[in-house]
Amino acid sequence: MAVELGRFGVWHGPQHWGPELAAGLERAGYGALWLGASPDACLRDAEVLLASTKSVAVGTSIVNMWKSPAADVAASYHRLEEEHPGRFLLGVGIGHPERTGEYTSPYATIVGYLDELDDAKVPADRRALAALGPKVLQVAGSRTAGALPYLTTPEHTREARRTLGGGVLLAPEQKVVLETDVEIARTTGRDYLASYLRLSNYRSNLKRLGFTENDLDDGGSDKLLDALVLHGSAVEIAEGLNAHLEAGADHVAVQQLGREGIDLLPGYEALATVLQ
């Protein structure tokens, strides 16, 4: 792995990121900052995170292949590599048919996009692929540094490791709520997950993991919520995060959920003190 990610990182969309949070998370000891929600091809938001920190890795999770031409993304990659050598990991992915009008032949699109990145001299070990199912996981293992699964469980991590084999990056995202009141935590998670549970890619993957249509409908069952959104004290959440590592993950991208406007840094600092 050409970019050192450490065991734990933090994942957020651009609306949550800022220089102060980025610098604070680096001080707290997190190894990577993940920029979610389909960053633009120019990668300016990633550039801000790199400029706001000294050595922590920054990754995209993920740049949408339909939205961002490979040639433009490759040019941005080379700019960031020149400005901040060795710190940026380019995560790309196919997105969702419900959010992409021209979503056709996703597998061929993935392969073609990676071919274009090859032609533009983006090294395979400096890029990763959003992957859930076995076929795309295999592409991630053969054509990139590895896989960036989103909205998964340690059970998926275990199966993904079997598919990928050893020596390939596996960095799942995991949502958490630092809240010991179970009902409050579930409500927070359910509000956040509502839109994701309408997307066919996630629904198919969760059904592969044994969840039913009843688990997925109406905002998600308590069983589903508890699996996808860890909650409790920092110590309890740390146990759930470590379960991904025990299942074969190399790195876990933590996404803390909370009410709008909440200061996220104290929660991440509390987690950092108990993560091993």
Protein backbone atom coordinates (compact mmCIF):
# COMPACT_ATOMS: atom_id res chain seq x y z
CA MET A 1 0.00 0.00 0.00
CA ALA A 2 1.66 3.19 -1.20
CA VAL A 3 -0.37 5.48 1.10
CA GLU A 4 -0.22 4.84 4.85
CA LEU A 5 -3.79 4.95 6.22
CA GLY A 6 -3.35 3.64 9.73
CA ARG A 7 -6.04 1.50 11.36
CA PHE A 8 -8.75 4.14 11.69
CA GLY A 9 -9.86 7.17 9.71
CA VAL A 10 -12.83 9.52 9.56
CA TRP A 11 -15.42 9.73 6.73
CA HIS A 12 -17.67 12.73 6.01
CA GLY A 13 -19.24 14.58 3.11
CA PRO A 14 -17.78 17.99 2.25
CA GLN A 15 -20.45 19.88 4.23
CA HIS A 16 -18.91 18.62 7.48
CA TRP A 17 -15.25 19.07 6.63
CA GLY A 18 -13.22 22.15 7.45
CA PRO A 19 -9.62 22.99 8.32
CA GLU A 20 -10.22 22.90 12.10
CA LEU A 21 -11.85 19.47 12.12
CA ALA A 22 -9.19 18.07 9.78
CA ALA A 23 -6.33 19.37 11.92
CA GLY A 24 -8.02 18.21 15.13
CA LEU A 25 -8.48 14.68 13.82
CA GLU A 26 -4.85 14.53 12.79
CA ARG A 27 -3.83 15.58 16.31
CA ALA A 28 -6.15 12.92 17.74
CA GLY A 29 -4.23 10.26 15.83
CA TYR A 30 -6.52 9.23 13.00
CA GLY A 31 -4.62 7.95 9.98
CA ALA A 32 -6.86 9.11 7.14
CA LEU A 33 -9.53 11.66 6.30
CA TRP A 34 -12.14 10.47 3.79
CA LEU A 35 -14.04 12.89 1.59
CA GLY A 36 -17.40 11.36 0.71
CA ALA A 37 -20.46 12.26 -1.35
CA SER A 38 -19.07 12.22 -4.91
CA PRO A 39 -16.37 14.91 -4.84
CA ASP A 40 -15.99 16.94 -8.04
CA ALA A 41 -13.29 16.03 -10.55
CA CYS A 42 -11.23 19.08 -9.57
CA LEU A 43 -10.75 17.58 -6.07
CA ARG A 44 -10.49 21.03 -4.48
CA ASP A 45 -12.12 19.80 -1.26
CA ALA A 46 -9.47 17.11 -0.95
CA GLU A 47 -6.83 19.76 -1.57
CA VAL A 48 -8.20 21.80 1.37
CA LEU A 49 -7.92 18.79 3.67
CA LEU A 50 -4.36 18.12 2.57
CA ALA A 51 -3.37 21.76 3.02
CA SER A 52 -4.97 21.87 6.50
CA THR A 53 -2.91 18.95 7.79
CA LYS A 54 0.71 17.86 7.86
CA SER A 55 0.99 14.13 7.27
CA VAL A 56 -2.41 12.41 7.54
CA ALA A 57 -3.64 10.62 4.42
CA VAL A 58 -6.63 11.98 2.48
CA GLY A 59 -8.86 9.82 0.31
CA THR A 60 -11.99 10.20 -1.78
CA SER A 61 -14.85 7.83 -1.08
CA ILE A 62 -15.84 8.10 -3.78
CA VAL A 63 -15.41 10.06 -7.02
CA ASN A 64 -18.40 9.08 -9.18
CA MET A 65 -17.33 7.68 -12.54
CA TRP A 66 -20.46 8.94 -14.31
CA LYS A 67 -20.05 12.47 -12.99
CA SER A 68 -16.29 13.00 -13.28
CA PRO A 69 -14.34 12.19 -16.47
CA ALA A 70 -11.28 10.05 -15.85
CA ALA A 71 -8.94 12.45 -17.66
CA ASP A 72 -10.00 15.36 -15.42
CA VAL A 73 -9.71 13.26 -12.27
CA ALA A 74 -6.27 12.03 -13.30
CA ALA A 75 -5.06 15.61 -13.83
CA SER A 76 -6.31 16.50 -10.35
CA TYR A 77 -4.60 13.44 -8.88
CA HIS A 78 -1.26 14.48 -10.38
CA ARG A 79 -1.71 18.04 -9.08
CA LEU A 80 -2.33 16.78 -5.54
CA GLU A 81 0.54 14.34 -5.75
CA GLU A 82 2.90 17.13 -6.78
CA GLU A 83 1.70 19.40 -3.97
CA HIS A 84 1.38 16.74 -1.25
CA PRO A 85 3.43 13.72 -2.31
CA GLY A 86 2.45 10.33 -0.96
CA ARG A 87 -0.63 11.46 0.97
CA PHE A 88 -3.58 11.14 -1.43
CA LEU A 89 -5.55 7.99 -2.30
CA LEU A 90 -8.00 8.30 -5.19
CA GLY A 91 -11.18 6.36 -4.45
CA VAL A 92 -13.55 5.94 -7.41
CA GLY A 93 -16.83 4.14 -7.90
CA ILE A 94 -19.87 3.54 -10.07
CA GLY A 95 -22.52 5.18 -7.89
CA HIS A 96 -26.20 4.17 -8.02
CA PRO A 97 -28.69 3.72 -10.88
CA GLU A 98 -31.32 5.72 -9.00
CA ARG A 99 -29.04 8.75 -9.05
CA THR A 100 -27.55 8.40 -12.53
CA GLY A 101 -29.71 8.74 -15.63
CA GLU A 102 -27.18 7.08 -17.96
CA TYR A 103 -26.38 4.14 -15.67
CA THR A 104 -25.71 1.33 -18.15
CA SER A 105 -23.17 -1.50 -18.26
CA PRO A 106 -21.68 -0.64 -14.85
CA TYR A 107 -19.02 -3.37 -14.96
CA ALA A 108 -17.78 -2.27 -18.40
CA THR A 109 -17.78 1.34 -17.22
CA ILE A 110 -15.63 0.49 -14.21
CA VAL A 111 -13.10 -1.41 -16.31
CA GLY A 112 -12.99 1.31 -18.96
CA TYR A 113 -12.55 4.05 -16.36
CA LEU A 114 -9.65 2.19 -14.77
CA ASP A 115 -8.12 1.74 -18.22
CA GLU A 116 -8.27 5.52 -18.69
CA LEU A 117 -6.60 6.06 -15.32
CA ASP A 118 -3.87 3.65 -16.41
CA ASP A 119 -3.37 5.64 -19.60
CA ALA A 120 -3.15 8.84 -17.54
CA LYS A 121 -0.42 7.31 -15.32
CA VAL A 122 -2.43 7.11 -12.10
CA PRO A 123 -0.69 4.20 -10.33
CA ALA A 124 -2.87 1.24 -9.40
CA ASP A 125 -1.62 1.35 -5.82
CA ARG A 126 -2.71 4.98 -5.46
CA ARG A 127 -6.36 4.34 -6.26
CA ALA A 128 -9.12 2.22 -4.71
CA LEU A 129 -12.59 1.13 -5.79
CA ALA A 130 -15.99 1.26 -4.11
CA ALA A 131 -17.01 -2.39 -4.07
CA LEU A 132 -19.70 -4.52 -2.45
CA GLY A 133 -20.41 -7.61 -4.57
CA PRO A 134 -17.88 -10.34 -5.47
CA LYS A 135 -17.40 -9.31 -9.11
CA VAL A 136 -16.44 -5.70 -8.35
CA LEU A 137 -14.39 -6.77 -5.34
CA GLN A 138 -12.32 -8.92 -7.69
CA VAL A 139 -11.74 -5.92 -9.95
CA ALA A 140 -10.72 -3.85 -6.92
CA GLY A 141 -8.17 -6.47 -5.97
CA SER A 142 -6.69 -6.87 -9.44
CA ARG A 143 -6.77 -3.29 -10.74
CA THR A 144 -6.40 -1.06 -7.64
CA ALA A 145 -4.94 -0.95 -4.15
CA GLY A 146 -8.19 -2.44 -2.87
CA ALA A 147 -11.80 -1.95 -1.87
CA LEU A 148 -13.78 0.78 -0.09
CA PRO A 149 -17.09 -0.82 0.97
CA TYR A 150 -19.81 1.50 2.32
CA LEU A 151 -22.82 0.66 4.51
CA THR A 152 -21.64 -2.79 5.51
CA THR A 153 -21.08 -5.01 8.53
CA PRO A 154 -18.18 -7.11 9.86
CA GLU A 155 -19.86 -10.10 8.20
CA HIS A 156 -19.46 -8.39 4.84
CA THR A 157 -15.87 -7.51 5.72
CA ARG A 158 -15.16 -11.19 6.38
CA GLU A 159 -16.64 -12.24 3.02
CA ALA A 160 -14.86 -9.41 1.21
CA ARG A 161 -11.53 -10.51 2.64
CA ARG A 162 -12.14 -14.03 1.40
CA THR A 163 -12.85 -12.66 -2.07
CA LEU A 164 -9.91 -10.26 -2.13
CA GLY A 165 -7.35 -12.55 -0.54
CA GLY A 166 -4.37 -11.22 1.36
CA GLY A 167 -2.23 -8.21 0.60
CA VAL A 168 -5.10 -6.11 -0.78
CA LEU A 169 -6.51 -3.05 0.98
CA LEU A 170 -9.93 -3.49 2.59
CA ALA A 171 -11.23 -0.28 4.19
CA PRO A 172 -14.94 -0.40 5.10
CA GLU A 173 -16.91 2.60 6.35
CA GLN A 174 -18.79 2.31 9.65
CA LYS A 175 -21.41 4.70 11.06
CA VAL A 176 -21.50 5.41 14.79
CA VAL A 177 -23.64 7.37 17.25
CA LEU A 178 -22.08 8.27 20.59
CA GLU A 179 -25.29 7.85 22.54
CA THR A 180 -26.14 5.36 25.30
CA ASP A 181 -29.93 5.82 24.96
CA VAL A 182 -30.80 3.10 22.46
CA GLU A 183 -33.97 4.71 21.14
CA ILE A 184 -32.30 8.09 20.57
CA ALA A 185 -29.40 6.37 18.81
CA ARG A 186 -31.71 4.32 16.59
CA THR A 187 -33.75 7.38 15.67
CA THR A 188 -30.56 9.20 14.66
CA GLY A 189 -29.43 6.26 12.58
CA ARG A 190 -32.83 5.70 10.99
CA ASP A 191 -33.09 9.34 9.92
CA TYR A 192 -29.68 9.14 8.26
CA LEU A 193 -30.17 5.76 6.59
CA ALA A 194 -33.59 6.46 5.05
CA SER A 195 -32.29 7.59 1.66
CA TYR A 196 -29.60 4.90 1.46
CA LEU A 197 -32.10 2.10 2.04
CA ARG A 198 -33.94 3.12 -1.12
CA LEU A 199 -30.87 2.44 -3.29
CA SER A 200 -30.82 -0.93 -5.04
CA ASN A 201 -27.06 -1.53 -4.75
CA TYR A 202 -27.19 -1.29 -0.96
CA ARG A 203 -30.42 -3.25 -0.70
CA SER A 204 -28.99 -6.09 -2.76
CA ASN A 205 -25.85 -6.24 -0.68
CA LEU A 206 -27.73 -6.19 2.61
CA LYS A 207 -29.97 -9.02 1.40
CA ARG A 208 -26.86 -11.02 0.54
CA LEU A 209 -25.92 -10.58 4.20
CA GLY A 210 -29.21 -12.13 5.31
CA PHE A 211 -31.44 -9.11 5.90
CA THR A 212 -34.98 -9.29 4.54
CA GLU A 213 -37.22 -6.83 2.72
CA ASN A 214 -38.98 -6.23 6.04
CA ASP A 215 -35.62 -5.27 7.60
CA LEU A 216 -34.97 -2.79 4.78
CA ASP A 217 -38.37 -1.12 4.53
CA ASP A 218 -39.91 1.66 6.64
CA GLY A 219 -36.58 3.16 7.67
CA GLY A 220 -35.01 -0.14 8.66
CA SER A 221 -35.65 -2.65 11.43
CA ASP A 222 -33.98 -2.35 14.81
CA LYS A 223 -31.86 -5.37 13.85
CA LEU A 224 -30.63 -3.60 10.72
CA LEU A 225 -30.06 -0.30 12.53
CA ASP A 226 -27.99 -1.93 15.24
CA ALA A 227 -25.83 -3.67 12.62
CA LEU A 228 -25.23 -0.62 10.43
CA VAL A 229 -24.97 2.11 13.07
CA LEU A 230 -22.90 1.32 16.16
CA HIS A 231 -24.09 3.13 19.27
CA GLY A 232 -23.30 3.35 22.95
CA SER A 233 -20.26 4.54 24.86
CA ALA A 234 -16.90 5.11 23.21
CA VAL A 235 -15.69 1.78 24.61
CA GLU A 236 -18.71 -0.09 23.22
CA ILE A 237 -18.34 1.53 19.81
CA ALA A 238 -14.62 0.75 19.75
CA GLU A 239 -15.45 -2.93 20.18
CA GLY A 240 -17.68 -2.78 17.11
CA LEU A 241 -15.04 -0.98 15.06
CA ASN A 242 -12.40 -3.50 16.05
CA ALA A 243 -14.75 -6.27 14.86
CA HIS A 244 -14.07 -5.11 11.29
CA LEU A 245 -10.33 -5.44 11.86
CA GLU A 246 -10.80 -8.89 13.35
CA ALA A 247 -12.86 -9.83 10.28
CA GLY A 248 -10.02 -8.87 7.93
CA ALA A 249 -10.17 -5.11 7.38
CA ASP A 250 -6.91 -3.17 7.19
CA HIS A 251 -8.54 0.16 7.99
CA VAL A 252 -11.96 1.37 9.17
CA ALA A 253 -13.41 4.73 8.11
CA VAL A 254 -15.57 5.99 10.98
CA GLN A 255 -18.55 8.27 10.32
CA GLN A 256 -20.04 9.87 13.42
CA LEU A 257 -23.72 10.79 13.11
CA GLY A 258 -25.43 13.47 15.14
CA ARG A 259 -27.77 16.39 15.04
CA GLU A 260 -27.18 19.21 12.57
CA GLY A 261 -24.46 21.62 13.67
CA ILE A 262 -22.97 19.38 16.34
CA ASP A 263 -19.24 19.74 17.02
CA LEU A 264 -17.94 16.36 15.86
CA LEU A 265 -14.39 16.65 17.17
CA PRO A 266 -15.03 15.86 20.88
CA GLY A 267 -16.72 12.59 19.95
CA TYR A 268 -13.86 11.56 17.71
CA GLU A 269 -11.35 12.51 20.40
CA ALA A 270 -13.22 10.33 22.89
CA LEU A 271 -13.13 7.40 20.46
CA ALA A 272 -9.44 7.91 19.73
CA THR A 273 -8.56 7.38 23.41
CA VAL A 274 -10.01 3.84 23.39
CA LEU A 275 -9.23 2.63 19.87
CA GLN A 276 -6.37 0.19 19.73
